[in-house]
Amino acid sequence: MLRVGLTGGIGAGKSTVATRLAEHGAVLIDADALAREVVEPGTPGLAALAEAFGPEILTAEGTLDRPALAARAFADETSRQRLNGILHPLIGARTAELMAAAPPDAIVVHDVPLLVEGRLGAAYHLVLVVDAPVETRIRRLVEIRGMSEDDARARIAAQASEEQRRAAADVWLDNGGTPDLVLAEVDRLWADRLVPFEANIRLRRPRPPKSPVVVRYDPAWPVQAERALARIRMAAGERAVRADHIGSTSVPGLPAKDLLDLQLTVSTVEDADALAAALSDAGFPRAEGEWFDDPQGGAEPWVKRFHFGADPGRQVNLHVRTLQTPAWRLALLFPAWLRASPAERNAYAAVKRKLAEAHANDGNGAGYATEKQGWVNAAFERAEAWAAETGWTV
């Protein structure tokens, strides 16, 4: 299934987006609703809270007196941790039950208010952040929820900043205007990205080939790469030696195809094969066939595994290389050398532009990659000389 994390600051109108996604057929799991469900009368959760914080947190009818609980649970850090120790496992278990009950082809939207604060983004294939201008959010909280302006501002200030949310967001939904505007954006997102993303993962469907197009460097590339790498690290677990952003998009100022090259380094080919299913399920299906790197000065090709990103909105190549060949180190050396050598970076940019123009009508990138490899192989020798001169190491 496709796991989508949905979040946004208080007053941003996250429920508007959640409702629309559910109308399209998403399986909606609301973290706030589950937090209330696990402490309903007669539940083990409510009994555990009463035991931990005293019977005074219950009303005469036996329901949870939330203000009374807050007065005790947030009195100090120890009490807050005791509260979280009770609630979080219960909410997590119930969330897992609902996830498991969803159909294999489901698009599951998990509405989590504190997703950014909890650094939970890697657990989802995609993170959607709903936002609106601060003054708009304050007006909504005052007019719709009846908060005082001071309380509304304090609540907003206590949550993640816009900068933090943007760093976590694969999709940024501006809900500062009229509802029809954000709903139209959600409709496009569902049809153009979420539905094909789910199918790409389930069917292990590769992206269609296309001619190379080299564009200007985008400062957002490293941030996008780090979000993808977090998901890769989580899927790889202890088998991961390291995971890195490599290739042209990791070199500031270097024009490149709008495609992130990432590298997962593992110890052996057996480890790479053992991770195939986990990486595929995490949104990086394994490509069919045999894959190799050019051996530099050797006869035997360097074996690797190759995975592609299933997200139609963010193209990714994932190279799974092992410590058994030098390819993983070269993949780190090359961009490090380019970052330190502006003249070489500019020369490489000229080669890329020229070859992209020459292969603009190919319909795929094979010819472009083959011709470019000659320049890259020669550049590896210059990069190695630079490494020896400067003492560069991984």
Protein backbone atom coordinates (compact mmCIF):
# COMPACT_ATOMS: atom_id res chain seq x y z
CA MET A 1 0.00 0.00 0.00
CA LEU A 2 0.99 3.63 -0.30
CA ARG A 3 1.54 5.31 3.08
CA VAL A 4 0.96 9.06 3.06
CA GLY A 5 1.69 11.23 6.08
CA LEU A 6 -0.55 14.27 6.37
CA THR A 7 0.27 17.12 8.72
CA GLY A 8 0.06 20.87 9.18
CA GLY A 9 0.03 23.53 11.83
CA ILE A 10 -3.02 24.25 13.93
CA GLY A 11 -5.56 26.28 11.97
CA ALA A 12 -4.06 25.41 8.58
CA GLY A 13 -7.15 23.46 7.52
CA LYS A 14 -5.68 19.99 7.42
CA SER A 15 -9.12 18.39 7.84
CA THR A 16 -10.24 19.94 4.53
CA VAL A 17 -7.49 18.04 2.73
CA ALA A 18 -8.05 14.84 4.71
CA THR A 19 -11.76 14.83 3.91
CA ARG A 20 -11.13 15.33 0.20
CA LEU A 21 -8.60 12.50 0.06
CA ALA A 22 -11.09 10.21 1.82
CA GLU A 23 -13.72 11.18 -0.77
CA HIS A 24 -11.33 10.00 -3.48
CA GLY A 25 -11.02 6.63 -1.73
CA ALA A 26 -8.09 7.02 0.63
CA VAL A 27 -8.12 5.03 3.86
CA LEU A 28 -7.94 7.78 6.48
CA ILE A 29 -6.33 7.13 9.86
CA ASP A 30 -6.70 10.09 12.23
CA ALA A 31 -4.12 10.12 15.03
CA ASP A 32 -6.17 12.53 17.14
CA ALA A 33 -9.26 10.32 16.81
CA LEU A 34 -7.23 7.28 17.87
CA ALA A 35 -5.87 9.18 20.87
CA ARG A 36 -9.47 9.66 22.01
CA GLU A 37 -10.49 6.12 21.13
CA VAL A 38 -7.83 4.40 23.24
CA VAL A 39 -9.02 6.19 26.41
CA GLU A 40 -12.75 5.71 26.03
CA PRO A 41 -14.64 4.35 29.07
CA GLY A 42 -13.89 0.71 29.71
CA THR A 43 -10.60 0.67 27.76
CA PRO A 44 -7.27 -0.51 29.20
CA GLY A 45 -5.90 2.91 28.28
CA LEU A 46 -8.26 4.79 30.54
CA ALA A 47 -7.65 2.31 33.37
CA ALA A 48 -3.89 2.78 32.99
CA LEU A 49 -4.23 6.58 33.12
CA ALA A 50 -6.37 6.41 36.25
CA GLU A 51 -3.84 4.15 37.92
CA ALA A 52 -0.93 6.39 36.96
CA PHE A 53 -2.50 9.79 37.70
CA GLY A 54 -5.25 9.00 40.19
CA PRO A 55 -9.04 8.62 40.03
CA GLU A 56 -9.37 12.42 40.06
CA ILE A 57 -8.80 12.44 36.27
CA LEU A 58 -12.18 10.73 35.79
CA THR A 59 -15.55 12.46 35.71
CA ALA A 60 -18.51 11.27 37.76
CA GLU A 61 -19.69 9.41 34.64
CA GLY A 62 -16.36 7.57 34.33
CA THR A 63 -15.07 9.43 31.28
CA LEU A 64 -11.70 11.14 31.02
CA ASP A 65 -11.56 14.63 32.49
CA ARG A 66 -9.01 16.06 30.07
CA PRO A 67 -8.27 19.31 31.94
CA ALA A 68 -7.69 17.32 35.14
CA LEU A 69 -5.36 14.94 33.31
CA ALA A 70 -3.46 17.83 31.74
CA ALA A 71 -2.94 19.46 35.14
CA ARG A 72 -1.22 16.31 36.39
CA ALA A 73 0.41 14.91 33.26
CA PHE A 74 2.10 18.16 32.24
CA ALA A 75 3.17 19.22 35.70
CA ASP A 76 6.74 18.08 35.01
CA GLU A 77 8.81 16.14 32.48
CA THR A 78 8.55 12.86 34.38
CA SER A 79 4.77 13.02 34.36
CA ARG A 80 4.68 13.88 30.67
CA GLN A 81 6.88 10.91 29.87
CA ARG A 82 4.63 8.67 31.95
CA LEU A 83 1.63 9.88 29.93
CA ASN A 84 3.39 9.27 26.62
CA GLY A 85 4.54 5.86 27.81
CA ILE A 86 0.91 4.87 28.27
CA LEU A 87 -0.69 6.48 25.21
CA HIS A 88 1.91 6.12 22.46
CA PRO A 89 2.07 2.29 22.48
CA LEU A 90 -1.73 2.07 22.47
CA ILE A 91 -2.07 4.54 19.62
CA GLY A 92 0.75 2.82 17.72
CA ALA A 93 -0.83 -0.61 18.12
CA ARG A 94 -4.22 0.64 16.96
CA THR A 95 -2.62 2.42 14.00
CA ALA A 96 -0.84 -0.80 13.01
CA GLU A 97 -4.15 -2.70 13.19
CA LEU A 98 -5.83 -0.24 10.85
CA MET A 99 -2.87 -0.25 8.46
CA ALA A 100 -2.91 -4.06 8.35
CA ALA A 101 -6.64 -4.08 7.65
CA ALA A 102 -6.28 -1.82 4.60
CA PRO A 103 -6.41 -3.48 1.15
CA PRO A 104 -3.08 -4.20 -0.58
CA ASP A 105 -3.78 -1.51 -3.18
CA ALA A 106 -4.89 1.10 -0.65
CA ILE A 107 -3.66 4.65 -0.38
CA VAL A 108 -3.50 5.13 3.39
CA VAL A 109 -3.48 8.71 4.64
CA HIS A 110 -2.24 9.01 8.21
CA ASP A 111 -3.29 12.35 9.70
CA VAL A 112 -0.59 13.15 12.29
CA PRO A 113 -0.54 16.68 13.77
CA LEU A 114 2.98 16.37 15.19
CA LEU A 115 4.57 14.45 12.33
CA VAL A 116 7.29 17.07 11.80
CA GLU A 117 7.95 17.58 15.50
CA GLY A 118 8.27 13.81 15.94
CA ARG A 119 10.55 13.44 12.87
CA LEU A 120 8.31 10.69 11.53
CA GLY A 121 8.54 11.47 7.80
CA ALA A 122 10.73 8.49 6.88
CA ALA A 123 7.91 6.11 7.82
CA TYR A 124 5.81 7.31 4.86
CA HIS A 125 6.23 7.14 1.11
CA LEU A 126 5.13 10.76 0.88
CA VAL A 127 4.55 13.59 3.35
CA LEU A 128 1.88 16.20 2.65
CA VAL A 129 2.02 19.46 4.60
CA VAL A 130 -0.98 21.77 4.68
CA ASP A 131 -0.18 25.39 5.46
CA ALA A 132 -1.73 28.84 5.55
CA PRO A 133 -0.43 32.29 6.53
CA VAL A 134 -0.11 32.77 10.27
CA GLU A 135 -2.68 35.57 10.41
CA THR A 136 -5.17 33.44 8.50
CA ARG A 137 -4.65 30.59 10.95
CA ILE A 138 -5.11 32.90 13.93
CA ARG A 139 -8.34 34.27 12.48
CA ARG A 140 -9.67 30.74 11.98
CA LEU A 141 -8.76 29.69 15.51
CA VAL A 142 -10.44 32.75 17.00
CA GLU A 143 -13.57 32.73 14.83
CA ILE A 144 -14.16 29.00 14.42
CA ARG A 145 -12.66 27.44 17.56
CA GLY A 146 -13.33 30.31 19.92
CA MET A 147 -9.72 30.71 21.11
CA SER A 148 -8.34 33.97 22.34
CA GLU A 149 -5.81 35.58 20.03
CA ASP A 150 -3.05 35.21 22.62
CA ASP A 151 -3.80 31.50 23.03
CA ALA A 152 -3.85 31.00 19.26
CA ARG A 153 -0.48 32.70 18.82
CA ALA A 154 1.01 30.69 21.68
CA ARG A 155 -0.23 27.41 20.20
CA ILE A 156 1.23 28.25 16.79
CA ALA A 157 4.56 29.32 18.30
CA ALA A 158 4.84 26.01 20.18
CA GLN A 159 4.63 23.96 16.96
CA ALA A 160 7.18 23.38 14.20
CA SER A 161 8.27 26.39 12.18
CA GLU A 162 7.47 26.87 8.50
CA GLU A 163 11.12 26.16 7.68
CA GLN A 164 10.97 22.82 9.51
CA ARG A 165 7.73 21.86 7.78
CA ARG A 166 9.06 22.75 4.34
CA ALA A 167 12.11 20.56 4.93
CA ALA A 168 9.80 17.64 5.75
CA ALA A 169 7.29 18.22 2.95
CA ASP A 170 7.28 16.23 -0.27
CA VAL A 171 4.12 18.14 -1.14
CA TRP A 172 3.28 21.63 0.12
CA LEU A 173 -0.44 22.50 0.02
CA ASP A 174 -1.28 26.18 0.47
CA ASN A 175 -4.69 26.43 2.13
CA GLY A 176 -4.64 30.15 2.68
CA GLY A 177 -7.22 30.92 0.00
CA THR A 178 -10.74 29.74 -0.67
CA PRO A 179 -11.39 26.00 -0.18
CA ASP A 180 -11.94 25.34 -3.88
CA LEU A 181 -8.32 26.23 -4.64
CA VAL A 182 -6.73 23.69 -2.31
CA LEU A 183 -9.36 21.07 -3.20
CA ALA A 184 -8.48 21.38 -6.89
CA GLU A 185 -4.82 20.93 -5.97
CA VAL A 186 -5.68 17.81 -3.95
CA ASP A 187 -7.66 16.42 -6.90
CA ARG A 188 -4.63 16.82 -9.17
CA LEU A 189 -2.35 15.32 -6.55
CA TRP A 190 -4.57 12.25 -6.24
CA ALA A 191 -4.85 11.61 -9.97
CA ASP A 192 -1.35 12.56 -11.11
CA ARG A 193 0.82 11.38 -8.23
CA LEU A 194 -0.80 9.28 -5.52
CA VAL A 195 -2.68 6.80 -7.69
CA PRO A 196 0.25 6.09 -10.07
CA PHE A 197 2.70 6.05 -7.14
CA GLU A 198 0.72 3.27 -5.45
CA ALA A 199 0.51 1.28 -8.68
CA ASN A 200 4.22 1.73 -9.40
CA ILE A 201 5.12 0.21 -6.03
CA ARG A 202 2.59 -2.62 -6.15
CA LEU A 203 3.39 -3.60 -9.75
CA ARG A 204 7.13 -2.84 -9.47
CA ARG A 205 6.56 -0.70 -12.54
CA PRO A 206 9.60 1.15 -13.92
CA ARG A 207 9.30 4.74 -15.04
CA PRO A 208 9.05 5.21 -18.81
CA PRO A 209 12.28 6.16 -20.59
CA LYS A 210 12.74 9.67 -21.93
CA SER A 211 15.34 11.79 -23.60
CA PRO A 212 17.90 13.58 -21.40
CA VAL A 213 17.08 17.15 -20.39
CA VAL A 214 19.72 19.09 -18.47
CA VAL A 215 18.39 21.92 -16.29
CA ARG A 216 19.89 24.53 -13.99
CA TYR A 217 20.98 23.46 -10.53
CA ASP A 218 18.10 23.45 -8.04
CA PRO A 219 18.97 24.24 -4.39
CA ALA A 220 16.05 22.00 -3.35
CA TRP A 221 17.79 18.87 -4.65
CA PRO A 222 19.85 18.14 -1.49
CA VAL A 223 16.78 18.54 0.75
CA GLN A 224 14.74 16.23 -1.47
CA ALA A 225 17.60 13.74 -1.48
CA GLU A 226 17.82 13.70 2.30
CA ARG A 227 14.12 12.86 2.63
CA ALA A 228 14.57 9.93 0.24
CA LEU A 229 17.74 8.79 2.01
CA ALA A 230 15.93 8.75 5.36
CA ARG A 231 13.42 6.30 3.89
CA ILE A 232 16.20 4.20 2.39
CA ARG A 233 18.09 4.06 5.70
CA MET A 234 14.93 2.99 7.51
CA ALA A 235 14.24 0.24 4.98
CA ALA A 236 17.85 -0.99 4.94
CA GLY A 237 18.30 -1.05 8.71
CA GLU A 238 21.49 -2.63 10.00
CA ARG A 239 22.58 -3.80 6.55
CA ALA A 240 23.26 -0.21 5.50
CA VAL A 241 26.92 0.75 5.75
CA ARG A 242 26.04 4.26 4.57
CA ALA A 243 23.59 6.07 2.30
CA ASP A 244 24.56 9.15 0.30
CA HIS A 245 23.44 11.73 -2.23
CA ILE A 246 25.79 11.33 -5.21
CA GLY A 247 25.94 12.44 -8.81
CA SER A 248 25.42 15.82 -10.42
CA THR A 249 22.50 16.94 -8.26
CA SER A 250 24.83 16.78 -5.23
CA VAL A 251 27.21 19.39 -6.72
CA PRO A 252 26.06 23.00 -6.10
CA GLY A 253 25.93 25.02 -9.30
CA LEU A 254 26.22 22.04 -11.65
CA PRO A 255 23.45 21.69 -14.26
CA ALA A 256 21.90 18.23 -14.25
CA LYS A 257 18.95 16.13 -15.20
CA ASP A 258 16.18 16.63 -12.64
CA LEU A 259 16.84 13.16 -11.26
CA LEU A 260 18.40 12.36 -7.89
CA ASP A 261 21.20 9.81 -7.85
CA LEU A 262 21.47 8.12 -4.46
CA GLN A 263 23.79 5.40 -3.24
CA LEU A 264 23.23 2.74 -0.61
CA THR A 265 26.43 1.00 0.41
CA VAL A 266 26.20 -2.49 1.88
CA SER A 267 28.82 -5.08 2.71
CA THR A 268 28.05 -7.79 0.15
CA VAL A 269 25.93 -8.56 -2.90
CA GLU A 270 24.01 -10.99 -0.68
CA ASP A 271 23.07 -8.05 1.57
CA ALA A 272 21.93 -6.09 -1.47
CA ASP A 273 19.73 -8.98 -2.59
CA ALA A 274 18.32 -9.45 0.90
CA LEU A 275 17.18 -5.81 0.88
CA ALA A 276 15.44 -5.96 -2.50
CA ALA A 277 11.92 -6.46 -1.12
CA ALA A 278 12.25 -3.93 1.71
CA LEU A 279 13.58 -1.21 -0.60
CA SER A 280 10.91 -1.98 -3.19
CA ASP A 281 8.15 -1.72 -0.59
CA ALA A 282 9.66 1.55 0.67
CA GLY A 283 9.12 3.10 -2.75
CA PHE A 284 12.30 2.08 -4.59
CA PRO A 285 11.50 -1.03 -6.68
CA ARG A 286 14.41 -3.12 -7.88
CA ALA A 287 15.09 -3.01 -11.59
CA GLU A 288 15.19 -6.24 -13.53
CA GLY A 289 18.35 -7.55 -15.17
CA GLU A 290 22.02 -7.42 -14.31
CA TRP A 291 23.67 -4.11 -13.46
CA PHE A 292 27.36 -3.19 -13.43
CA ASP A 293 29.74 -0.24 -13.06
CA ASP A 294 32.62 0.21 -15.48
CA PRO A 295 35.73 -1.36 -13.94
CA GLN A 296 38.42 1.29 -13.75
CA GLY A 297 41.63 -0.37 -14.92
CA GLY A 298 40.25 -3.88 -14.50
CA ALA A 299 38.65 -6.56 -16.63
CA GLU A 300 35.76 -7.75 -14.50
CA PRO A 301 32.67 -5.50 -14.34
CA TRP A 302 31.80 -4.23 -10.87
CA VAL A 303 28.49 -5.82 -9.87
CA LYS A 304 25.80 -3.65 -8.28
CA ARG A 305 22.06 -3.62 -7.85
CA PHE A 306 19.83 -0.86 -9.19
CA HIS A 307 16.52 0.45 -7.88
CA PHE A 308 14.37 3.27 -9.23
CA GLY A 309 12.09 5.67 -7.41
CA ALA A 310 8.39 4.85 -7.85
CA ASP A 311 7.21 8.40 -7.10
CA PRO A 312 6.17 10.01 -10.41
CA GLY A 313 6.68 13.42 -8.83
CA ARG A 314 10.33 12.89 -7.84
CA GLN A 315 12.61 10.82 -10.08
CA VAL A 316 15.28 8.84 -8.22
CA ASN A 317 18.01 6.39 -9.19
CA LEU A 318 19.20 4.24 -6.29
CA HIS A 319 22.53 2.49 -6.83
CA VAL A 320 23.12 -0.30 -4.30
CA ARG A 321 26.86 -0.90 -4.24
CA THR A 322 28.99 -3.12 -2.03
CA LEU A 323 32.29 -2.84 -0.23
CA GLN A 324 33.45 -5.68 -2.47
CA THR A 325 34.23 -3.25 -5.33
CA PRO A 326 35.72 0.29 -5.34
CA ALA A 327 32.67 1.72 -7.11
CA TRP A 328 31.02 3.01 -3.93
CA ARG A 329 34.12 5.08 -3.08
CA LEU A 330 34.45 6.49 -6.61
CA ALA A 331 30.80 7.55 -6.51
CA LEU A 332 31.63 9.67 -3.43
CA LEU A 333 34.97 10.93 -4.72
CA PHE A 334 33.67 12.23 -8.04
CA PRO A 335 31.20 14.84 -6.69
CA ALA A 336 33.61 15.80 -3.88
CA TRP A 337 36.25 16.57 -6.52
CA LEU A 338 33.79 18.55 -8.63
CA ARG A 339 32.69 20.59 -5.62
CA ALA A 340 36.33 21.48 -4.95
CA SER A 341 37.26 22.09 -8.60
CA PRO A 342 35.16 24.82 -10.29
CA ALA A 343 37.00 24.51 -13.61
CA GLU A 344 36.30 20.77 -13.80
CA ARG A 345 32.71 21.35 -12.77
CA ASN A 346 32.25 23.88 -15.58
CA ALA A 347 33.90 21.54 -18.10
CA TYR A 348 31.58 18.73 -17.05
CA ALA A 349 28.58 21.05 -17.37
CA ALA A 350 29.57 21.86 -20.95
CA VAL A 351 29.87 18.15 -21.80
CA LYS A 352 26.46 17.41 -20.28
CA ARG A 353 24.72 20.23 -22.16
CA LYS A 354 26.32 19.25 -25.47
CA LEU A 355 25.40 15.57 -25.15
CA ALA A 356 21.87 16.31 -23.93
CA GLU A 357 21.31 18.42 -27.03
CA ALA A 358 22.77 15.72 -29.27
CA HIS A 359 20.48 13.07 -27.78
CA ALA A 360 17.39 15.23 -27.33
CA ASN A 361 15.31 13.09 -29.72
CA ASP A 362 16.49 9.63 -28.60
CA GLY A 363 13.48 8.87 -26.44
CA ASN A 364 15.77 7.43 -23.75
CA GLY A 365 18.99 8.26 -21.92
CA ALA A 366 21.15 5.32 -23.01
CA GLY A 367 23.15 7.10 -25.71
CA TYR A 368 23.69 10.14 -23.52
CA ALA A 369 24.98 8.00 -20.65
CA THR A 370 27.26 5.92 -22.87
CA GLU A 371 28.93 8.94 -24.47
CA LYS A 372 29.27 10.77 -21.17
CA GLN A 373 30.97 7.79 -19.51
CA GLY A 374 34.14 8.34 -21.54
CA TRP A 375 34.62 11.81 -20.08
CA VAL A 376 33.76 10.50 -16.60
CA ASN A 377 36.27 7.64 -16.79
CA ALA A 378 39.06 10.06 -17.69
CA ALA A 379 37.90 12.42 -14.95
CA PHE A 380 38.18 9.64 -12.38
CA GLU A 381 41.95 9.65 -12.90
CA ARG A 382 42.14 13.40 -12.28
CA ALA A 383 39.90 13.00 -9.25
CA GLU A 384 42.17 10.30 -7.84
CA ALA A 385 45.18 12.59 -8.29
CA TRP A 386 43.32 15.31 -6.42
CA ALA A 387 42.44 12.89 -3.62
CA ALA A 388 46.08 11.85 -3.25
CA GLU A 389 47.24 15.47 -3.25
CA THR A 390 44.67 16.71 -0.72
CA GLY A 391 44.40 13.60 1.45
CA TRP A 392 40.68 13.25 0.72
CA THR A 393 39.02 10.20 2.23
CA VAL A 394 35.42 9.07 2.60
